[in-house]
Amino acid sequence: MNNTKRKINAAYFFLAPALTAIFIFFFIPVISAFIMSFTDFDIYSLSHFRWARFVGFKNYFNLLNNPTFWKALQNTCYFAIFGGPLSIIISLGAALLLNSKIIKLKSLFRLAFFTPVVTSLVAVAVVWRFIYHPRFGLMNYFLSLFQINPIDWLGDPNWAMPALIIMAVWKNFGYNMIIFIAGLQNIPEELYEASHIDGANRRQQFWNITLPMLAPTTVFITIITAIGYFQFFAEPYVMTQGGPLSSTLSIVLLMYQEGFRWWRMGYSASIAFILFLIIFFVTIIQLKIQKRNAV
């Protein structure tokens, strides 16, 4: 008993620095922001907390009655619903290709596909602004080869969000690709050999072996992709500033504008916790769907 107690105390001793840092730099700020969301905390309150008045759920009620918030929520859902699955599909396709035996120089291709992930998002966004230039951009030059008229990618409300989705998918698919490759390499080769002996073709092996065995990996990738895409900020901030006509305004960009442009920090904190609830429920739904499919 004493030996077990000593081991437990030793474990707490070594965990204490990490737990202390998490408590100070994560839990305390989160709790403070949650309390702030029930106040009218603004730039004057920075000098002294007494200027912040408790307003209850007023910030949340004002937020739900704000058409700009619903527009930002619509744009965010649009970005996540279309960009997330597209990123996962491309990641899986690239992983299957690089995991196959017919591809040479696999390490080089993996490095090339993963490089955008570790590149600064702001730098990538600046480069893609030039790619999307309506007169001199590479995208319109490519379209001109097929006799397609130039598109004002970032200036047209109908094309601005698809343009950001294309850029975000190109930027992020390499990370999911590496995880998919790790999942593919954990599938026993004996399963494919046995199915080949039974007469299964490539398509049947993919649907009956690869996808079921990749289910845990796919759930993980789906969750982290959904969380990341619901929090998209740098793309519209650098490339469009939420325009044109608020067609690329995201929830996080709205939160930034309310908190650091207009200094309505209590109102901005309420936006953050609404976003937290959305991501939380989306994650719970995905886990329940996976659990039901597993049964």
C-alpha atoms as a PDB file:
ATOM      1  CA  MET A   1       0.000   0.000   0.000  1.00  0.00           C
ATOM      2  CA  ASN A   2       2.775   2.411   0.927  1.00  0.00           C
ATOM      3  CA  ASN A   3       4.612   1.612  -2.297  1.00  0.00           C
ATOM      4  CA  THR A   4       1.477   2.346  -4.333  1.00  0.00           C
ATOM      5  CA  LYS A   5       0.940   5.609  -2.473  1.00  0.00           C
ATOM      6  CA  ARG A   6       4.533   6.653  -3.154  1.00  0.00           C
ATOM      7  CA  LYS A   7       4.065   5.970  -6.855  1.00  0.00           C
ATOM      8  CA  ILE A   8       0.887   8.046  -6.923  1.00  0.00           C
ATOM      9  CA  ASN A   9       2.614  10.915  -5.097  1.00  0.00           C
ATOM     10  CA  ALA A  10       5.538  10.708  -7.514  1.00  0.00           C
ATOM     11  CA  ALA A  11       3.146  10.856 -10.454  1.00  0.00           C
ATOM     12  CA  TYR A  12       1.455  13.957  -9.046  1.00  0.00           C
ATOM     13  CA  PHE A  13       4.858  15.516  -8.398  1.00  0.00           C
ATOM     14  CA  PHE A  14       5.958  15.137 -12.016  1.00  0.00           C
ATOM     15  CA  LEU A  15       2.554  16.193 -13.357  1.00  0.00           C
ATOM     16  CA  ALA A  16       2.313  19.252 -11.129  1.00  0.00           C
ATOM     17  CA  PRO A  17       4.334  21.675 -13.336  1.00  0.00           C
ATOM     18  CA  ALA A  18       2.310  20.816 -16.458  1.00  0.00           C
ATOM     19  CA  LEU A  19      -1.031  20.888 -14.626  1.00  0.00           C
ATOM     20  CA  THR A  20      -0.110  24.206 -13.003  1.00  0.00           C
ATOM     21  CA  ALA A  21       0.759  25.741 -16.369  1.00  0.00           C
ATOM     22  CA  ILE A  22      -2.484  24.442 -17.896  1.00  0.00           C
ATOM     23  CA  PHE A  23      -4.495  25.839 -14.997  1.00  0.00           C
ATOM     24  CA  ILE A  24      -2.829  29.265 -15.135  1.00  0.00           C
ATOM     25  CA  PHE A  25      -2.682  29.755 -18.892  1.00  0.00           C
ATOM     26  CA  PHE A  26      -5.849  27.880 -19.932  1.00  0.00           C
ATOM     27  CA  PHE A  27      -8.487  27.410 -17.260  1.00  0.00           C
ATOM     28  CA  ILE A  28      -8.122  30.822 -15.597  1.00  0.00           C
ATOM     29  CA  PRO A  29      -8.353  32.737 -18.936  1.00  0.00           C
ATOM     30  CA  VAL A  30     -11.321  30.600 -20.057  1.00  0.00           C
ATOM     31  CA  ILE A  31     -13.184  31.136 -16.792  1.00  0.00           C
ATOM     32  CA  SER A  32     -12.372  34.865 -16.908  1.00  0.00           C
ATOM     33  CA  ALA A  33     -13.664  35.121 -20.484  1.00  0.00           C
ATOM     34  CA  PHE A  34     -16.836  33.266 -19.517  1.00  0.00           C
ATOM     35  CA  ILE A  35     -17.472  35.724 -16.668  1.00  0.00           C
ATOM     36  CA  MET A  36     -16.617  38.610 -18.995  1.00  0.00           C
ATOM     37  CA  SER A  37     -19.306  37.461 -21.458  1.00  0.00           C
ATOM     38  CA  PHE A  38     -21.933  38.442 -18.857  1.00  0.00           C
ATOM     39  CA  THR A  39     -20.579  42.006 -18.536  1.00  0.00           C
ATOM     40  CA  ASP A  40     -20.286  45.085 -20.743  1.00  0.00           C
ATOM     41  CA  PHE A  41     -16.483  44.927 -20.473  1.00  0.00           C
ATOM     42  CA  ASP A  42     -14.986  47.497 -22.886  1.00  0.00           C
ATOM     43  CA  ILE A  43     -11.902  49.688 -23.322  1.00  0.00           C
ATOM     44  CA  TYR A  44     -12.755  51.739 -20.240  1.00  0.00           C
ATOM     45  CA  SER A  45     -12.895  48.597 -18.123  1.00  0.00           C
ATOM     46  CA  LEU A  46      -9.223  47.924 -18.911  1.00  0.00           C
ATOM     47  CA  SER A  47      -8.226  50.682 -16.495  1.00  0.00           C
ATOM     48  CA  HIS A  48     -10.274  49.177 -13.672  1.00  0.00           C
ATOM     49  CA  PHE A  49     -12.680  46.276 -13.418  1.00  0.00           C
ATOM     50  CA  ARG A  50     -15.229  48.432 -11.572  1.00  0.00           C
ATOM     51  CA  TRP A  51     -16.207  49.983 -14.920  1.00  0.00           C
ATOM     52  CA  ALA A  52     -17.441  46.591 -16.117  1.00  0.00           C
ATOM     53  CA  ARG A  53     -21.119  46.148 -15.277  1.00  0.00           C
ATOM     54  CA  PHE A  54     -22.905  42.822 -15.009  1.00  0.00           C
ATOM     55  CA  VAL A  55     -25.549  42.623 -17.762  1.00  0.00           C
ATOM     56  CA  GLY A  56     -26.607  38.980 -17.491  1.00  0.00           C
ATOM     57  CA  PHE A  57     -27.553  37.362 -20.779  1.00  0.00           C
ATOM     58  CA  LYS A  58     -27.901  40.682 -22.613  1.00  0.00           C
ATOM     59  CA  ASN A  59     -24.813  40.053 -24.768  1.00  0.00           C
ATOM     60  CA  TYR A  60     -26.158  36.666 -25.847  1.00  0.00           C
ATOM     61  CA  PHE A  61     -29.635  38.031 -26.606  1.00  0.00           C
ATOM     62  CA  ASN A  62     -28.144  40.915 -28.612  1.00  0.00           C
ATOM     63  CA  LEU A  63     -25.943  38.459 -30.453  1.00  0.00           C
ATOM     64  CA  LEU A  64     -28.863  36.221 -31.424  1.00  0.00           C
ATOM     65  CA  ASN A  65     -30.774  39.285 -32.669  1.00  0.00           C
ATOM     66  CA  ASN A  66     -27.816  40.543 -34.699  1.00  0.00           C
ATOM     67  CA  PRO A  67     -28.169  39.834 -38.470  1.00  0.00           C
ATOM     68  CA  THR A  68     -24.393  40.168 -38.874  1.00  0.00           C
ATOM     69  CA  PHE A  69     -23.856  37.254 -36.482  1.00  0.00           C
ATOM     70  CA  TRP A  70     -26.228  35.029 -38.465  1.00  0.00           C
ATOM     71  CA  LYS A  71     -24.464  36.030 -41.678  1.00  0.00           C
ATOM     72  CA  ALA A  72     -21.103  35.128 -40.120  1.00  0.00           C
ATOM     73  CA  LEU A  73     -22.535  31.826 -38.850  1.00  0.00           C
ATOM     74  CA  GLN A  74     -23.892  31.046 -42.322  1.00  0.00           C
ATOM     75  CA  ASN A  75     -20.511  31.784 -43.903  1.00  0.00           C
ATOM     76  CA  THR A  76     -18.701  29.681 -41.298  1.00  0.00           C
ATOM     77  CA  CYS A  77     -21.023  26.711 -41.827  1.00  0.00           C
ATOM     78  CA  TYR A  78     -20.630  27.092 -45.600  1.00  0.00           C
ATOM     79  CA  PHE A  79     -16.854  27.054 -45.234  1.00  0.00           C
ATOM     80  CA  ALA A  80     -16.876  24.036 -42.881  1.00  0.00           C
ATOM     81  CA  ILE A  81     -19.520  21.969 -44.697  1.00  0.00           C
ATOM     82  CA  PHE A  82     -17.933  22.278 -48.124  1.00  0.00           C
ATOM     83  CA  GLY A  83     -14.278  22.809 -47.257  1.00  0.00           C
ATOM     84  CA  GLY A  84     -14.001  20.128 -44.574  1.00  0.00           C
ATOM     85  CA  PRO A  85     -15.240  17.121 -46.597  1.00  0.00           C
ATOM     86  CA  LEU A  86     -13.335  18.321 -49.675  1.00  0.00           C
ATOM     87  CA  SER A  87     -10.123  18.487 -47.643  1.00  0.00           C
ATOM     88  CA  ILE A  88     -10.716  14.995 -46.202  1.00  0.00           C
ATOM     89  CA  ILE A  89     -11.459  13.464 -49.616  1.00  0.00           C
ATOM     90  CA  ILE A  90      -8.360  14.993 -51.202  1.00  0.00           C
ATOM     91  CA  SER A  91      -6.256  13.951 -48.197  1.00  0.00           C
ATOM     92  CA  LEU A  92      -7.486  10.364 -48.450  1.00  0.00           C
ATOM     93  CA  GLY A  93      -6.888  10.286 -52.207  1.00  0.00           C
ATOM     94  CA  ALA A  94      -3.347  11.596 -51.799  1.00  0.00           C
ATOM     95  CA  ALA A  95      -2.671   9.115 -48.983  1.00  0.00           C
ATOM     96  CA  LEU A  96      -3.901   6.183 -51.064  1.00  0.00           C
ATOM     97  CA  LEU A  97      -1.746   7.311 -53.963  1.00  0.00           C
ATOM     98  CA  LEU A  98       1.412   7.768 -51.899  1.00  0.00           C
ATOM     99  CA  ASN A  99       0.835   4.526 -50.023  1.00  0.00           C
ATOM    100  CA  SER A 100       0.558   2.497 -53.213  1.00  0.00           C
ATOM    101  CA  LYS A 101       3.457   0.482 -54.561  1.00  0.00           C
ATOM    102  CA  ILE A 102       3.433   2.060 -58.013  1.00  0.00           C
ATOM    103  CA  ILE A 103       4.563   5.525 -56.878  1.00  0.00           C
ATOM    104  CA  LYS A 104       8.272   6.303 -56.781  1.00  0.00           C
ATOM    105  CA  LEU A 105       9.963   9.028 -54.720  1.00  0.00           C
ATOM    106  CA  LYS A 106       7.263   8.818 -52.046  1.00  0.00           C
ATOM    107  CA  SER A 107       9.280  10.777 -49.498  1.00  0.00           C
ATOM    108  CA  LEU A 108       9.701  13.664 -51.929  1.00  0.00           C
ATOM    109  CA  PHE A 109       5.970  13.839 -52.661  1.00  0.00           C
ATOM    110  CA  ARG A 110       5.095  13.628 -48.971  1.00  0.00           C
ATOM    111  CA  LEU A 111       7.455  16.513 -48.252  1.00  0.00           C
ATOM    112  CA  ALA A 112       6.009  18.551 -51.116  1.00  0.00           C
ATOM    113  CA  PHE A 113       2.405  17.970 -50.026  1.00  0.00           C
ATOM    114  CA  PHE A 114       3.181  18.637 -46.352  1.00  0.00           C
ATOM    115  CA  THR A 115       5.197  21.830 -46.940  1.00  0.00           C
ATOM    116  CA  PRO A 116       2.110  24.127 -47.126  1.00  0.00           C
ATOM    117  CA  VAL A 117       1.036  22.903 -43.673  1.00  0.00           C
ATOM    118  CA  VAL A 118       4.184  24.236 -41.988  1.00  0.00           C
ATOM    119  CA  THR A 119       4.202  27.437 -44.046  1.00  0.00           C
ATOM    120  CA  SER A 120       2.853  30.585 -42.413  1.00  0.00           C
ATOM    121  CA  LEU A 121      -0.828  30.980 -43.206  1.00  0.00           C
ATOM    122  CA  VAL A 122      -0.416  34.732 -43.603  1.00  0.00           C
ATOM    123  CA  ALA A 123       2.378  34.230 -46.159  1.00  0.00           C
ATOM    124  CA  VAL A 124       0.262  31.674 -48.021  1.00  0.00           C
ATOM    125  CA  ALA A 125      -2.733  34.031 -48.038  1.00  0.00           C
ATOM    126  CA  VAL A 126      -0.636  36.878 -49.457  1.00  0.00           C
ATOM    127  CA  VAL A 127       0.668  34.637 -52.253  1.00  0.00           C
ATOM    128  CA  TRP A 128      -2.829  33.402 -53.071  1.00  0.00           C
ATOM    129  CA  ARG A 129      -4.048  36.988 -53.332  1.00  0.00           C
ATOM    130  CA  PHE A 130      -1.721  37.352 -56.303  1.00  0.00           C
ATOM    131  CA  ILE A 131      -2.868  34.009 -57.699  1.00  0.00           C
ATOM    132  CA  TYR A 132      -6.460  35.268 -57.547  1.00  0.00           C
ATOM    133  CA  HIS A 133      -5.647  38.637 -59.130  1.00  0.00           C
ATOM    134  CA  PRO A 134      -8.457  39.352 -61.649  1.00  0.00           C
ATOM    135  CA  ARG A 135      -6.085  40.487 -64.428  1.00  0.00           C
ATOM    136  CA  PHE A 136      -2.651  38.990 -63.803  1.00  0.00           C
ATOM    137  CA  GLY A 137      -3.374  36.008 -61.548  1.00  0.00           C
ATOM    138  CA  LEU A 138      -2.390  32.433 -62.411  1.00  0.00           C
ATOM    139  CA  MET A 139      -5.906  31.158 -61.752  1.00  0.00           C
ATOM    140  CA  ASN A 140      -7.498  33.301 -64.455  1.00  0.00           C
ATOM    141  CA  TYR A 141      -4.602  32.565 -66.788  1.00  0.00           C
ATOM    142  CA  PHE A 142      -5.298  28.849 -66.354  1.00  0.00           C
ATOM    143  CA  LEU A 143      -9.001  29.434 -67.043  1.00  0.00           C
ATOM    144  CA  SER A 144      -8.165  31.427 -70.169  1.00  0.00           C
ATOM    145  CA  LEU A 145      -6.554  28.308 -71.634  1.00  0.00           C
ATOM    146  CA  PHE A 146     -10.062  26.831 -71.722  1.00  0.00           C
ATOM    147  CA  GLN A 147     -11.622  30.013 -73.125  1.00  0.00           C
ATOM    148  CA  ILE A 148     -13.244  30.886 -69.757  1.00  0.00           C
ATOM    149  CA  ASN A 149     -13.698  34.565 -68.945  1.00  0.00           C
ATOM    150  CA  PRO A 150     -11.707  36.012 -66.016  1.00  0.00           C
ATOM    151  CA  ILE A 151     -13.316  35.805 -62.578  1.00  0.00           C
ATOM    152  CA  ASP A 152     -12.969  38.420 -59.870  1.00  0.00           C
ATOM    153  CA  TRP A 153     -12.250  35.763 -57.263  1.00  0.00           C
ATOM    154  CA  LEU A 154     -11.974  37.972 -54.189  1.00  0.00           C
ATOM    155  CA  GLY A 155     -14.206  40.815 -55.381  1.00  0.00           C
ATOM    156  CA  ASP A 156     -17.299  38.828 -56.352  1.00  0.00           C
ATOM    157  CA  PRO A 157     -19.545  37.790 -53.415  1.00  0.00           C
ATOM    158  CA  ASN A 158     -20.425  34.570 -55.240  1.00  0.00           C
ATOM    159  CA  TRP A 159     -16.799  33.506 -55.734  1.00  0.00           C
ATOM    160  CA  ALA A 160     -14.995  34.886 -52.664  1.00  0.00           C
ATOM    161  CA  MET A 161     -15.895  32.002 -50.333  1.00  0.00           C
ATOM    162  CA  PRO A 162     -15.126  29.234 -52.897  1.00  0.00           C
ATOM    163  CA  ALA A 163     -11.773  30.951 -53.459  1.00  0.00           C
ATOM    164  CA  LEU A 164     -10.985  30.817 -49.747  1.00  0.00           C
ATOM    165  CA  ILE A 165     -12.081  27.164 -49.594  1.00  0.00           C
ATOM    166  CA  ILE A 166      -9.731  26.225 -52.456  1.00  0.00           C
ATOM    167  CA  MET A 167      -6.830  27.972 -50.747  1.00  0.00           C
ATOM    168  CA  ALA A 168      -7.613  26.440 -47.332  1.00  0.00           C
ATOM    169  CA  VAL A 169      -7.872  22.921 -48.761  1.00  0.00           C
ATOM    170  CA  TRP A 170      -4.525  23.316 -50.527  1.00  0.00           C
ATOM    171  CA  LYS A 171      -2.984  24.641 -47.310  1.00  0.00           C
ATOM    172  CA  ASN A 172      -4.288  21.980 -44.926  1.00  0.00           C
ATOM    173  CA  PHE A 173      -4.773  18.670 -46.753  1.00  0.00           C
ATOM    174  CA  GLY A 174      -1.151  17.582 -46.234  1.00  0.00           C
ATOM    175  CA  TYR A 175      -1.607  17.227 -42.477  1.00  0.00           C
ATOM    176  CA  ASN A 176      -4.594  14.895 -42.836  1.00  0.00           C
ATOM    177  CA  MET A 177      -2.769  13.040 -45.595  1.00  0.00           C
ATOM    178  CA  ILE A 178       0.084  12.101 -43.232  1.00  0.00           C
ATOM    179  CA  ILE A 179      -2.408  10.793 -40.655  1.00  0.00           C
ATOM    180  CA  PHE A 180      -4.234   8.786 -43.312  1.00  0.00           C
ATOM    181  CA  ILE A 181      -0.942   7.280 -44.482  1.00  0.00           C
ATOM    182  CA  ALA A 182      -0.192   6.194 -40.915  1.00  0.00           C
ATOM    183  CA  GLY A 183      -3.646   4.602 -40.722  1.00  0.00           C
ATOM    184  CA  LEU A 184      -3.171   2.813 -44.056  1.00  0.00           C
ATOM    185  CA  GLN A 185       0.169   1.396 -42.975  1.00  0.00           C
ATOM    186  CA  ASN A 186      -1.485  -0.121 -39.887  1.00  0.00           C
ATOM    187  CA  ILE A 187      -3.895  -2.189 -41.991  1.00  0.00           C
ATOM    188  CA  PRO A 188      -2.615  -5.805 -42.115  1.00  0.00           C
ATOM    189  CA  GLU A 189      -1.463  -6.767 -45.591  1.00  0.00           C
ATOM    190  CA  GLU A 190      -2.877 -10.256 -44.994  1.00  0.00           C
ATOM    191  CA  LEU A 191      -6.406  -8.868 -45.345  1.00  0.00           C
ATOM    192  CA  TYR A 192      -5.708  -7.699 -48.898  1.00  0.00           C
ATOM    193  CA  GLU A 193      -3.964 -10.957 -49.790  1.00  0.00           C
ATOM    194  CA  ALA A 194      -6.873 -13.037 -48.491  1.00  0.00           C
ATOM    195  CA  SER A 195      -9.442 -10.900 -50.318  1.00  0.00           C
ATOM    196  CA  HIS A 196      -7.394 -11.142 -53.522  1.00  0.00           C
ATOM    197  CA  ILE A 197      -7.432 -14.937 -53.248  1.00  0.00           C
ATOM    198  CA  ASP A 198     -11.222 -14.762 -52.806  1.00  0.00           C
ATOM    199  CA  GLY A 199     -11.478 -12.780 -56.046  1.00  0.00           C
ATOM    200  CA  ALA A 200     -12.027  -9.258 -54.695  1.00  0.00           C
ATOM    201  CA  ASN A 201     -10.958  -6.418 -56.988  1.00  0.00           C
ATOM    202  CA  ARG A 202      -9.423  -3.068 -55.989  1.00  0.00           C
ATOM    203  CA  ARG A 203     -12.775  -1.333 -55.600  1.00  0.00           C
ATOM    204  CA  GLN A 204     -14.163  -4.084 -53.373  1.00  0.00           C
ATOM    205  CA  GLN A 205     -11.011  -4.061 -51.251  1.00  0.00           C
ATOM    206  CA  PHE A 206     -11.332  -0.297 -50.807  1.00  0.00           C
ATOM    207  CA  TRP A 207     -14.979  -0.383 -49.689  1.00  0.00           C
ATOM    208  CA  ASN A 208     -14.808  -3.547 -47.579  1.00  0.00           C
ATOM    209  CA  ILE A 209     -11.316  -3.382 -46.080  1.00  0.00           C
ATOM    210  CA  THR A 210      -9.687   0.038 -46.384  1.00  0.00           C
ATOM    211  CA  LEU A 211     -12.566   2.281 -45.360  1.00  0.00           C
ATOM    212  CA  PRO A 212     -13.752   0.137 -42.399  1.00  0.00           C
ATOM    213  CA  MET A 213     -10.203  -0.212 -41.077  1.00  0.00           C
ATOM    214  CA  LEU A 214      -9.674   3.544 -41.451  1.00  0.00           C
ATOM    215  CA  ALA A 215     -12.850   4.395 -39.511  1.00  0.00           C
ATOM    216  CA  PRO A 216     -11.101   5.475 -36.244  1.00  0.00           C
ATOM    217  CA  THR A 217      -8.585   7.537 -38.218  1.00  0.00           C
ATOM    218  CA  THR A 218     -11.368   9.114 -40.274  1.00  0.00           C
ATOM    219  CA  VAL A 219     -13.321  10.066 -37.150  1.00  0.00           C
ATOM    220  CA  PHE A 220     -10.255  11.745 -35.646  1.00  0.00           C
ATOM    221  CA  ILE A 221      -9.504  13.629 -38.869  1.00  0.00           C
ATOM    222  CA  THR A 222     -13.143  14.655 -39.280  1.00  0.00           C
ATOM    223  CA  ILE A 223     -13.280  16.092 -35.768  1.00  0.00           C
ATOM    224  CA  ILE A 224     -10.033  18.072 -35.952  1.00  0.00           C
ATOM    225  CA  THR A 225     -10.896  19.282 -39.470  1.00  0.00           C
ATOM    226  CA  ALA A 226     -14.338  20.457 -38.374  1.00  0.00           C
ATOM    227  CA  ILE A 227     -12.854  22.265 -35.370  1.00  0.00           C
ATOM    228  CA  GLY A 228     -10.226  23.940 -37.544  1.00  0.00           C
ATOM    229  CA  TYR A 229     -12.642  24.976 -40.281  1.00  0.00           C
ATOM    230  CA  PHE A 230     -15.156  26.407 -37.810  1.00  0.00           C
ATOM    231  CA  GLN A 231     -12.353  28.603 -36.449  1.00  0.00           C
ATOM    232  CA  PHE A 232     -11.106  29.957 -39.763  1.00  0.00           C
ATOM    233  CA  PHE A 233      -9.871  33.518 -39.396  1.00  0.00           C
ATOM    234  CA  ALA A 234      -6.579  34.317 -41.112  1.00  0.00           C
ATOM    235  CA  GLU A 235      -7.883  33.616 -44.623  1.00  0.00           C
ATOM    236  CA  PRO A 236     -10.641  36.255 -44.660  1.00  0.00           C
ATOM    237  CA  TYR A 237      -8.666  38.620 -42.435  1.00  0.00           C
ATOM    238  CA  VAL A 238      -5.689  38.781 -44.793  1.00  0.00           C
ATOM    239  CA  MET A 239      -7.418  38.292 -48.142  1.00  0.00           C
ATOM    240  CA  THR A 240     -10.856  39.915 -47.952  1.00  0.00           C
ATOM    241  CA  GLN A 241     -11.370  41.549 -44.534  1.00  0.00           C
ATOM    242  CA  GLY A 242     -14.725  39.774 -44.453  1.00  0.00           C
ATOM    243  CA  GLY A 243     -15.923  41.215 -47.762  1.00  0.00           C
ATOM    244  CA  PRO A 244     -17.205  41.694 -50.298  1.00  0.00           C
ATOM    245  CA  LEU A 245     -20.617  42.444 -48.752  1.00  0.00           C
ATOM    246  CA  SER A 246     -19.715  40.308 -45.700  1.00  0.00           C
ATOM    247  CA  SER A 247     -19.669  37.197 -47.906  1.00  0.00           C
ATOM    248  CA  THR A 248     -16.516  35.898 -46.174  1.00  0.00           C
ATOM    249  CA  LEU A 249     -17.150  37.229 -42.676  1.00  0.00           C
ATOM    250  CA  SER A 250     -16.534  34.366 -40.226  1.00  0.00           C
ATOM    251  CA  ILE A 251     -17.529  34.031 -36.585  1.00  0.00           C
ATOM    252  CA  VAL A 252     -13.927  34.351 -35.397  1.00  0.00           C
ATOM    253  CA  LEU A 253     -13.362  37.407 -37.606  1.00  0.00           C
ATOM    254  CA  LEU A 254     -16.548  38.965 -36.204  1.00  0.00           C
ATOM    255  CA  MET A 255     -15.307  38.166 -32.695  1.00  0.00           C
ATOM    256  CA  TYR A 256     -11.994  39.863 -33.483  1.00  0.00           C
ATOM    257  CA  GLN A 257     -13.705  42.939 -34.894  1.00  0.00           C
ATOM    258  CA  GLU A 258     -16.021  43.308 -31.913  1.00  0.00           C
ATOM    259  CA  GLY A 259     -13.257  42.756 -29.377  1.00  0.00           C
ATOM    260  CA  PHE A 260     -10.229  44.537 -30.864  1.00  0.00           C
ATOM    261  CA  ARG A 261     -11.708  47.021 -33.325  1.00  0.00           C
ATOM    262  CA  TRP A 262     -14.740  48.231 -31.359  1.00  0.00           C
ATOM    263  CA  TRP A 263     -13.454  47.114 -27.912  1.00  0.00           C
ATOM    264  CA  ARG A 264     -16.721  45.408 -26.967  1.00  0.00           C
ATOM    265  CA  MET A 265     -14.896  42.612 -25.212  1.00  0.00           C
ATOM    266  CA  GLY A 266     -17.842  41.302 -23.222  1.00  0.00           C
ATOM    267  CA  TYR A 267     -19.851  41.003 -26.415  1.00  0.00           C
ATOM    268  CA  SER A 268     -16.863  39.407 -28.170  1.00  0.00           C
ATOM    269  CA  ALA A 269     -16.510  36.841 -25.362  1.00  0.00           C
ATOM    270  CA  SER A 270     -20.141  35.822 -25.837  1.00  0.00           C
ATOM    271  CA  ILE A 271     -19.396  35.120 -29.511  1.00  0.00           C
ATOM    272  CA  ALA A 272     -16.487  32.894 -28.446  1.00  0.00           C
ATOM    273  CA  PHE A 273     -18.683  30.762 -26.205  1.00  0.00           C
ATOM    274  CA  ILE A 274     -21.421  30.479 -28.814  1.00  0.00           C
ATOM    275  CA  LEU A 275     -18.743  29.145 -31.173  1.00  0.00           C
ATOM    276  CA  PHE A 276     -17.556  26.764 -28.442  1.00  0.00           C
ATOM    277  CA  LEU A 277     -21.076  25.352 -28.063  1.00  0.00           C
ATOM    278  CA  ILE A 278     -21.398  24.893 -31.838  1.00  0.00           C
ATOM    279  CA  ILE A 279     -18.086  23.018 -32.061  1.00  0.00           C
ATOM    280  CA  PHE A 280     -18.947  20.974 -28.963  1.00  0.00           C
ATOM    281  CA  PHE A 281     -22.282  19.800 -30.371  1.00  0.00           C
ATOM    282  CA  VAL A 282     -20.791  19.081 -33.804  1.00  0.00           C
ATOM    283  CA  THR A 283     -18.124  16.932 -32.146  1.00  0.00           C
ATOM    284  CA  ILE A 284     -20.702  15.069 -30.034  1.00  0.00           C
ATOM    285  CA  ILE A 285     -22.821  14.362 -33.113  1.00  0.00           C
ATOM    286  CA  GLN A 286     -19.811  13.011 -35.021  1.00  0.00           C
ATOM    287  CA  LEU A 287     -18.858  10.730 -32.119  1.00  0.00           C
ATOM    288  CA  LYS A 288     -22.424   9.423 -31.798  1.00  0.00           C
ATOM    289  CA  ILE A 289     -22.593   8.704 -35.531  1.00  0.00           C
ATOM    290  CA  GLN A 290     -19.296   6.822 -35.348  1.00  0.00           C
ATOM    291  CA  LYS A 291     -20.443   4.860 -32.289  1.00  0.00           C
ATOM    292  CA  ARG A 292     -23.698   3.895 -34.031  1.00  0.00           C
ATOM    293  CA  ASN A 293     -21.843   2.774 -37.159  1.00  0.00           C
ATOM    294  CA  ALA A 294     -19.407   0.745 -35.058  1.00  0.00           C
ATOM    295  CA  VAL A 295     -22.316  -1.138 -33.507  1.00  0.00           C
END
